[in-house]
N, C-alpha and C. Protein backbone atom coordinates (compact mmCIF):
# COMPACT_ATOMS: atom_id res chain seq x y z
N MET A 1 131.95 55.25 111.42
CA MET A 1 131.07 55.93 112.35
C MET A 1 130.35 54.88 113.20
N ASP A 2 129.91 55.32 114.33
CA ASP A 2 129.19 54.48 115.29
C ASP A 2 127.86 54.02 114.67
N GLU A 3 127.63 52.71 114.65
CA GLU A 3 126.41 52.14 114.10
C GLU A 3 125.39 51.80 115.19
N SER A 4 125.51 52.42 116.35
CA SER A 4 124.63 52.09 117.46
C SER A 4 123.21 52.59 117.20
N PRO A 5 122.23 52.00 117.88
CA PRO A 5 120.85 52.47 117.74
C PRO A 5 120.68 53.93 118.16
N GLU A 6 121.49 54.38 119.12
CA GLU A 6 121.39 55.78 119.56
C GLU A 6 121.81 56.74 118.44
N THR A 7 122.87 56.39 117.73
CA THR A 7 123.34 57.23 116.62
C THR A 7 122.29 57.25 115.51
N ARG A 8 121.76 56.10 115.22
CA ARG A 8 120.70 55.99 114.20
C ARG A 8 119.50 56.85 114.61
N GLN A 9 119.15 56.82 115.89
CA GLN A 9 118.01 57.60 116.37
C GLN A 9 118.29 59.10 116.30
N ARG A 10 119.52 59.51 116.62
CA ARG A 10 119.88 60.93 116.53
C ARG A 10 119.74 61.44 115.10
N LEU A 11 120.23 60.64 114.14
CA LEU A 11 120.10 61.04 112.74
C LEU A 11 118.63 61.06 112.33
N SER A 12 117.88 60.09 112.79
CA SER A 12 116.44 60.05 112.50
C SER A 12 115.74 61.29 113.06
N ASP A 13 116.09 61.68 114.27
CA ASP A 13 115.51 62.89 114.86
C ASP A 13 115.88 64.14 114.06
N ARG A 14 117.10 64.18 113.61
CA ARG A 14 117.56 65.33 112.82
C ARG A 14 116.80 65.41 111.49
N ILE A 15 116.58 64.26 110.88
CA ILE A 15 115.81 64.22 109.64
C ILE A 15 114.39 64.73 109.90
N GLU A 16 113.79 64.28 110.97
CA GLU A 16 112.43 64.72 111.31
C GLU A 16 112.37 66.22 111.56
N GLN A 17 113.36 66.78 112.22
CA GLN A 17 113.40 68.23 112.45
C GLN A 17 113.49 68.99 111.14
N ARG A 18 114.32 68.50 110.25
CA ARG A 18 114.47 69.18 108.95
C ARG A 18 113.17 69.07 108.16
N GLN A 19 112.52 67.93 108.24
CA GLN A 19 111.25 67.78 107.54
C GLN A 19 110.19 68.71 108.11
N GLN A 20 110.19 68.92 109.40
CA GLN A 20 109.26 69.88 110.01
C GLN A 20 109.50 71.28 109.46
N ALA A 21 110.77 71.65 109.34
CA ALA A 21 111.10 72.97 108.80
C ALA A 21 110.64 73.08 107.34
N ILE A 22 110.84 72.03 106.58
CA ILE A 22 110.43 72.04 105.17
C ILE A 22 108.90 72.10 105.07
N ARG A 23 108.20 71.32 105.87
CA ARG A 23 106.73 71.36 105.85
C ARG A 23 106.21 72.74 106.24
N SER A 24 106.84 73.36 107.19
CA SER A 24 106.46 74.71 107.59
C SER A 24 106.67 75.69 106.43
N TYR A 25 107.81 75.58 105.78
CA TYR A 25 108.11 76.42 104.62
C TYR A 25 107.07 76.21 103.53
N LEU A 26 106.78 74.95 103.22
CA LEU A 26 105.81 74.65 102.17
C LEU A 26 104.41 75.14 102.54
N GLY A 27 104.07 75.06 103.81
CA GLY A 27 102.77 75.56 104.27
C GLY A 27 102.60 77.05 104.04
N ARG A 28 103.70 77.79 104.11
CA ARG A 28 103.66 79.24 103.85
C ARG A 28 103.75 79.55 102.36
N GLU A 29 104.65 78.88 101.68
CA GLU A 29 105.00 79.30 100.32
C GLU A 29 104.14 78.70 99.20
N ARG A 30 103.59 77.51 99.39
CA ARG A 30 102.71 76.96 98.35
C ARG A 30 101.51 77.87 98.11
N PRO A 31 100.79 78.28 99.17
CA PRO A 31 99.64 79.18 98.92
C PRO A 31 100.07 80.50 98.27
N ARG A 32 101.21 81.01 98.67
CA ARG A 32 101.71 82.26 98.09
C ARG A 32 102.00 82.08 96.61
N ARG A 33 102.68 80.98 96.26
CA ARG A 33 102.97 80.69 94.85
C ARG A 33 101.67 80.58 94.06
N ASN A 34 100.70 79.85 94.60
CA ASN A 34 99.43 79.66 93.89
C ASN A 34 98.68 80.98 93.73
N ARG A 35 98.69 81.79 94.78
CA ARG A 35 98.01 83.08 94.73
C ARG A 35 98.63 83.98 93.66
N LEU A 36 99.95 84.07 93.63
CA LEU A 36 100.61 84.91 92.64
C LEU A 36 100.36 84.40 91.22
N SER A 37 100.37 83.10 91.04
CA SER A 37 100.09 82.52 89.72
C SER A 37 98.67 82.83 89.27
N ASN A 38 97.72 82.67 90.19
CA ASN A 38 96.32 82.94 89.84
C ASN A 38 96.10 84.40 89.51
N ILE A 39 96.70 85.30 90.28
CA ILE A 39 96.56 86.73 89.99
C ILE A 39 97.12 87.04 88.61
N SER A 40 98.25 86.47 88.30
CA SER A 40 98.87 86.70 86.99
C SER A 40 98.00 86.19 85.85
N ILE A 41 97.51 84.98 85.99
CA ILE A 41 96.70 84.38 84.92
C ILE A 41 95.36 85.10 84.75
N VAL A 42 94.66 85.29 85.86
CA VAL A 42 93.34 85.91 85.78
C VAL A 42 93.45 87.38 85.36
N GLY A 43 94.42 88.09 85.91
CA GLY A 43 94.60 89.50 85.54
C GLY A 43 94.90 89.67 84.06
N SER A 44 95.77 88.82 83.53
CA SER A 44 96.11 88.89 82.10
C SER A 44 94.90 88.58 81.23
N ALA A 45 94.16 87.54 81.62
CA ALA A 45 92.99 87.15 80.83
C ALA A 45 91.91 88.23 80.85
N LEU A 46 91.65 88.80 82.02
CA LEU A 46 90.62 89.85 82.10
C LEU A 46 91.05 91.11 81.35
N ALA A 47 92.32 91.46 81.43
CA ALA A 47 92.79 92.64 80.69
C ALA A 47 92.62 92.41 79.19
N ALA A 48 92.90 91.21 78.73
CA ALA A 48 92.71 90.90 77.31
C ALA A 48 91.24 90.97 76.92
N MET A 49 90.37 90.47 77.79
CA MET A 49 88.94 90.51 77.50
C MET A 49 88.42 91.95 77.44
N LEU A 50 88.91 92.81 78.33
CA LEU A 50 88.45 94.19 78.34
C LEU A 50 88.87 94.94 77.08
N THR A 51 89.99 94.56 76.51
CA THR A 51 90.42 95.23 75.28
C THR A 51 89.86 94.55 74.03
N ALA A 52 89.45 93.29 74.15
CA ALA A 52 88.92 92.56 72.99
C ALA A 52 87.54 93.08 72.57
N GLY A 53 86.71 93.47 73.54
CA GLY A 53 85.37 93.96 73.21
C GLY A 53 85.39 95.14 72.26
N PRO A 54 86.07 96.22 72.62
CA PRO A 54 86.12 97.36 71.72
C PRO A 54 86.89 97.06 70.43
N ALA A 55 87.91 96.23 70.52
CA ALA A 55 88.70 95.91 69.32
C ALA A 55 87.87 95.13 68.31
N ALA A 56 87.09 94.18 68.77
CA ALA A 56 86.29 93.36 67.87
C ALA A 56 84.97 94.04 67.50
N GLY A 57 84.34 94.70 68.49
CA GLY A 57 83.02 95.28 68.27
C GLY A 57 83.01 96.73 67.84
N GLY A 58 84.14 97.40 68.03
CA GLY A 58 84.24 98.81 67.64
C GLY A 58 83.25 99.69 68.38
N THR A 59 82.75 100.71 67.66
CA THR A 59 81.83 101.65 68.30
C THR A 59 80.50 101.01 68.62
N GLY A 60 80.13 99.96 67.90
CA GLY A 60 78.88 99.26 68.22
C GLY A 60 78.93 98.66 69.62
N PHE A 61 80.08 98.13 69.99
CA PHE A 61 80.25 97.55 71.31
C PHE A 61 80.16 98.64 72.38
N THR A 62 80.88 99.73 72.18
CA THR A 62 80.87 100.78 73.20
C THR A 62 79.50 101.45 73.30
N GLU A 63 78.81 101.57 72.20
CA GLU A 63 77.46 102.15 72.25
C GLU A 63 76.51 101.21 72.99
N ALA A 64 76.67 99.91 72.80
CA ALA A 64 75.83 98.94 73.51
C ALA A 64 76.09 99.01 75.01
N VAL A 65 77.36 99.08 75.42
CA VAL A 65 77.69 99.19 76.84
C VAL A 65 77.16 100.50 77.39
N GLN A 66 77.27 101.55 76.59
CA GLN A 66 76.77 102.85 77.01
C GLN A 66 75.26 102.78 77.25
N GLY A 67 74.55 102.10 76.39
CA GLY A 67 73.10 101.97 76.53
C GLY A 67 72.71 101.10 77.72
N ILE A 68 73.44 100.00 77.94
CA ILE A 68 73.13 99.08 79.05
C ILE A 68 73.25 99.80 80.39
N PHE A 69 74.31 100.59 80.54
CA PHE A 69 74.55 101.26 81.82
C PHE A 69 74.03 102.70 81.85
N SER A 70 73.28 103.10 80.83
CA SER A 70 72.68 104.44 80.74
C SER A 70 73.71 105.54 80.97
N LEU A 71 74.82 105.44 80.25
CA LEU A 71 75.87 106.45 80.36
C LEU A 71 75.62 107.53 79.32
N GLY A 72 75.86 108.75 79.69
CA GLY A 72 75.60 109.87 78.80
C GLY A 72 76.62 110.00 77.68
N ASP A 73 77.81 109.50 77.88
CA ASP A 73 78.89 109.72 76.92
C ASP A 73 79.65 108.42 76.73
N ASP A 74 79.92 108.07 75.46
CA ASP A 74 80.65 106.81 75.22
C ASP A 74 82.12 106.91 75.62
N SER A 75 82.62 108.11 75.83
CA SER A 75 84.01 108.24 76.27
C SER A 75 84.21 107.67 77.67
N VAL A 76 83.12 107.67 78.48
CA VAL A 76 83.19 107.07 79.81
C VAL A 76 83.43 105.57 79.69
N VAL A 77 82.80 104.94 78.72
CA VAL A 77 83.00 103.50 78.47
C VAL A 77 84.46 103.24 78.12
N TRP A 78 84.99 104.02 77.19
CA TRP A 78 86.39 103.85 76.78
C TRP A 78 87.34 104.05 77.96
N ARG A 79 87.08 105.09 78.74
CA ARG A 79 87.95 105.36 79.89
C ARG A 79 87.92 104.22 80.89
N PHE A 80 86.71 103.73 81.19
CA PHE A 80 86.60 102.63 82.14
C PHE A 80 87.31 101.38 81.64
N LEU A 81 87.08 101.01 80.38
CA LEU A 81 87.70 99.81 79.83
C LEU A 81 89.23 99.93 79.82
N CYS A 82 89.72 101.07 79.43
CA CYS A 82 91.18 101.27 79.39
C CYS A 82 91.78 101.26 80.80
N LEU A 83 91.14 101.95 81.73
CA LEU A 83 91.64 101.99 83.10
C LEU A 83 91.62 100.60 83.73
N ALA A 84 90.53 99.87 83.56
CA ALA A 84 90.43 98.53 84.13
C ALA A 84 91.48 97.60 83.51
N ALA A 85 91.69 97.71 82.19
CA ALA A 85 92.69 96.88 81.53
C ALA A 85 94.09 97.20 82.04
N VAL A 86 94.39 98.48 82.25
CA VAL A 86 95.70 98.88 82.77
C VAL A 86 95.91 98.34 84.19
N ILE A 87 94.91 98.50 85.03
CA ILE A 87 95.02 98.02 86.42
C ILE A 87 95.24 96.51 86.45
N LEU A 88 94.47 95.78 85.66
CA LEU A 88 94.62 94.32 85.64
C LEU A 88 95.96 93.90 85.05
N SER A 89 96.43 94.59 84.05
CA SER A 89 97.74 94.28 83.46
C SER A 89 98.87 94.53 84.45
N VAL A 90 98.79 95.64 85.16
CA VAL A 90 99.81 95.96 86.17
C VAL A 90 99.79 94.91 87.29
N ALA A 91 98.60 94.53 87.74
CA ALA A 91 98.50 93.51 88.79
C ALA A 91 99.11 92.19 88.32
N ALA A 92 98.82 91.80 87.09
CA ALA A 92 99.38 90.55 86.54
C ALA A 92 100.89 90.64 86.42
N ALA A 93 101.40 91.76 85.95
CA ALA A 93 102.85 91.93 85.82
C ALA A 93 103.55 91.91 87.17
N LEU A 94 102.96 92.59 88.15
CA LEU A 94 103.55 92.59 89.50
C LEU A 94 103.56 91.19 90.10
N ALA A 95 102.46 90.47 89.97
CA ALA A 95 102.39 89.11 90.52
C ALA A 95 103.44 88.21 89.87
N THR A 96 103.58 88.31 88.57
CA THR A 96 104.57 87.51 87.85
C THR A 96 105.98 87.86 88.31
N ASN A 97 106.26 89.14 88.43
CA ASN A 97 107.61 89.57 88.83
C ASN A 97 107.92 89.22 90.29
N PHE A 98 106.94 89.32 91.17
CA PHE A 98 107.17 88.91 92.57
C PHE A 98 107.51 87.43 92.64
N ALA A 99 106.77 86.62 91.91
CA ALA A 99 107.03 85.18 91.91
C ALA A 99 108.41 84.87 91.32
N ASN A 100 108.74 85.53 90.22
CA ASN A 100 110.02 85.25 89.55
C ASN A 100 111.22 85.83 90.29
N SER A 101 111.04 86.97 90.94
CA SER A 101 112.18 87.60 91.61
C SER A 101 112.69 86.77 92.78
N HIS A 102 111.83 85.98 93.37
CA HIS A 102 112.23 85.13 94.49
C HIS A 102 112.36 83.67 94.08
N ALA A 103 112.24 83.37 92.78
CA ALA A 103 112.30 82.00 92.27
C ALA A 103 111.38 81.10 93.10
N LEU A 104 110.20 81.60 93.39
CA LEU A 104 109.28 80.92 94.29
C LEU A 104 108.90 79.52 93.80
N ALA A 105 108.57 79.39 92.54
CA ALA A 105 108.17 78.07 92.03
C ALA A 105 109.32 77.07 92.13
N ASP A 106 110.53 77.52 91.79
CA ASP A 106 111.69 76.63 91.88
C ASP A 106 111.98 76.22 93.31
N ARG A 107 111.84 77.15 94.23
CA ARG A 107 112.11 76.84 95.64
C ARG A 107 111.08 75.88 96.22
N VAL A 108 109.83 76.08 95.87
CA VAL A 108 108.79 75.17 96.35
C VAL A 108 109.03 73.77 95.80
N THR A 109 109.39 73.67 94.54
CA THR A 109 109.68 72.37 93.93
C THR A 109 110.88 71.71 94.61
N ALA A 110 111.93 72.48 94.86
CA ALA A 110 113.12 71.94 95.54
C ALA A 110 112.77 71.45 96.94
N ALA A 111 111.94 72.19 97.66
CA ALA A 111 111.54 71.79 99.01
C ALA A 111 110.69 70.53 98.97
N GLU A 112 109.79 70.43 98.02
CA GLU A 112 108.97 69.23 97.89
C GLU A 112 109.85 68.01 97.58
N THR A 113 110.82 68.19 96.70
CA THR A 113 111.73 67.10 96.34
C THR A 113 112.56 66.68 97.55
N ALA A 114 113.14 67.64 98.25
CA ALA A 114 113.96 67.32 99.42
C ALA A 114 113.14 66.62 100.49
N ASN A 115 111.90 67.04 100.67
CA ASN A 115 111.04 66.41 101.66
C ASN A 115 110.77 64.95 101.30
N ALA A 116 110.51 64.70 100.02
CA ALA A 116 110.28 63.31 99.58
C ALA A 116 111.54 62.47 99.74
N GLN A 117 112.69 63.04 99.42
CA GLN A 117 113.95 62.31 99.58
C GLN A 117 114.21 62.00 101.05
N LEU A 118 113.95 62.95 101.91
CA LEU A 118 114.14 62.73 103.35
C LEU A 118 113.16 61.67 103.88
N ASP A 119 111.96 61.63 103.33
CA ASP A 119 111.01 60.57 103.70
C ASP A 119 111.59 59.20 103.39
N GLY A 120 112.11 59.06 102.18
CA GLY A 120 112.71 57.79 101.79
C GLY A 120 113.91 57.43 102.64
N LEU A 121 114.74 58.42 102.93
CA LEU A 121 115.91 58.19 103.77
C LEU A 121 115.48 57.77 105.17
N GLN A 122 114.46 58.43 105.70
CA GLN A 122 113.96 58.09 107.03
C GLN A 122 113.50 56.63 107.09
N ASP A 123 112.76 56.21 106.07
CA ASP A 123 112.29 54.82 106.02
C ASP A 123 113.46 53.85 105.95
N THR A 124 114.39 54.14 105.07
CA THR A 124 115.56 53.27 104.91
C THR A 124 116.37 53.20 106.21
N LEU A 125 116.53 54.32 106.85
CA LEU A 125 117.27 54.38 108.11
C LEU A 125 116.54 53.61 109.22
N ASN A 126 115.24 53.79 109.30
CA ASN A 126 114.45 53.12 110.34
C ASN A 126 114.47 51.60 110.20
N PHE A 127 114.54 51.11 108.96
CA PHE A 127 114.54 49.67 108.75
C PHE A 127 115.95 49.09 108.71
N GLY A 128 116.96 49.95 108.93
CA GLY A 128 118.33 49.49 109.05
C GLY A 128 118.97 49.00 107.76
N HIS A 129 118.48 49.48 106.62
CA HIS A 129 118.99 49.02 105.34
C HIS A 129 120.11 49.89 104.79
N ILE A 130 120.67 50.75 105.62
CA ILE A 130 121.71 51.66 105.14
C ILE A 130 122.68 51.94 106.29
N PRO A 131 123.98 51.92 105.98
CA PRO A 131 124.96 52.28 107.02
C PRO A 131 124.81 53.76 107.39
N ILE A 132 125.13 54.09 108.62
CA ILE A 132 124.99 55.47 109.12
C ILE A 132 125.79 56.44 108.26
N ASP A 133 127.03 56.08 107.89
CA ASP A 133 127.85 56.98 107.07
C ASP A 133 127.15 57.33 105.77
N ASP A 134 126.58 56.34 105.10
CA ASP A 134 125.88 56.60 103.84
C ASP A 134 124.63 57.44 104.07
N ALA A 135 123.91 57.14 105.14
CA ALA A 135 122.70 57.90 105.46
C ALA A 135 123.03 59.36 105.74
N LEU A 136 124.12 59.60 106.46
CA LEU A 136 124.52 60.97 106.77
C LEU A 136 124.90 61.73 105.50
N LYS A 137 125.60 61.07 104.60
CA LYS A 137 125.97 61.72 103.33
C LYS A 137 124.72 62.09 102.53
N LEU A 138 123.77 61.17 102.46
CA LEU A 138 122.53 61.46 101.74
C LEU A 138 121.76 62.60 102.41
N TYR A 139 121.71 62.59 103.72
CA TYR A 139 121.04 63.67 104.45
C TYR A 139 121.66 65.01 104.08
N GLN A 140 122.97 65.07 104.09
CA GLN A 140 123.66 66.32 103.77
C GLN A 140 123.38 66.76 102.32
N GLN A 141 123.34 65.81 101.40
CA GLN A 141 123.03 66.14 100.01
C GLN A 141 121.60 66.70 99.87
N TYR A 142 120.67 66.06 100.56
CA TYR A 142 119.27 66.47 100.43
C TYR A 142 119.03 67.85 101.04
N VAL A 143 119.59 68.11 102.21
CA VAL A 143 119.35 69.42 102.84
C VAL A 143 120.12 70.53 102.13
N ALA A 144 121.19 70.18 101.43
CA ALA A 144 121.94 71.19 100.67
C ALA A 144 121.10 71.77 99.53
N GLN A 145 120.07 71.05 99.11
CA GLN A 145 119.19 71.52 98.03
C GLN A 145 118.22 72.61 98.49
N VAL A 146 118.08 72.75 99.82
CA VAL A 146 117.11 73.72 100.36
C VAL A 146 117.75 74.63 101.40
N PRO A 147 118.81 75.36 101.03
CA PRO A 147 119.45 76.23 102.02
C PRO A 147 118.57 77.39 102.46
N PHE A 148 117.53 77.68 101.70
CA PHE A 148 116.62 78.78 102.01
C PHE A 148 115.58 78.41 103.07
N VAL A 149 115.52 77.14 103.46
CA VAL A 149 114.59 76.70 104.50
C VAL A 149 115.30 76.82 105.84
N ASP A 150 114.74 77.63 106.72
CA ASP A 150 115.33 77.82 108.04
C ASP A 150 115.17 76.57 108.87
N GLN A 151 116.19 76.29 109.66
CA GLN A 151 116.17 75.14 110.57
C GLN A 151 115.22 75.43 111.72
N VAL A 152 114.44 74.44 112.09
CA VAL A 152 113.56 74.55 113.26
C VAL A 152 114.44 74.47 114.51
N PRO A 153 114.24 75.35 115.48
CA PRO A 153 115.06 75.29 116.71
C PRO A 153 114.92 73.93 117.40
N SER A 154 116.00 73.46 118.00
CA SER A 154 115.98 72.18 118.71
C SER A 154 115.11 72.28 119.94
N ARG A 155 114.55 71.15 120.32
CA ARG A 155 113.68 71.13 121.51
C ARG A 155 114.45 70.79 122.72
């Protein structure tokens, strides 16, 4: 392959474009992954806490809650605790399934890895420590790991 500076620059530009696409993807998907994880963790923990009170404290717990909130009937306490636990459990399950159904964590990790590999390739290419043929093969290997990242349109 042509080892000219123009060819090296074209490959360098292509690497930069792919990195822009990956950074854009990560900018959208990292917060989404974190949000779904947090909803799952917090929802599960709160649902467990809502069921732990009556389980550990029994009627004494529900009577205390009834007295604190001046409720006329302890069945209202039970209904509220059960309904809140169900809602939080469903939210946690949905968040977990949304994250898993799209393999979001795996995709974010793959994009982060490919971006770091492309950074290293870019540096090596810029300093001329790699033949163009080898650099092109590495570029193709790295971008093959992230087929779900859309290419940024050329300028």
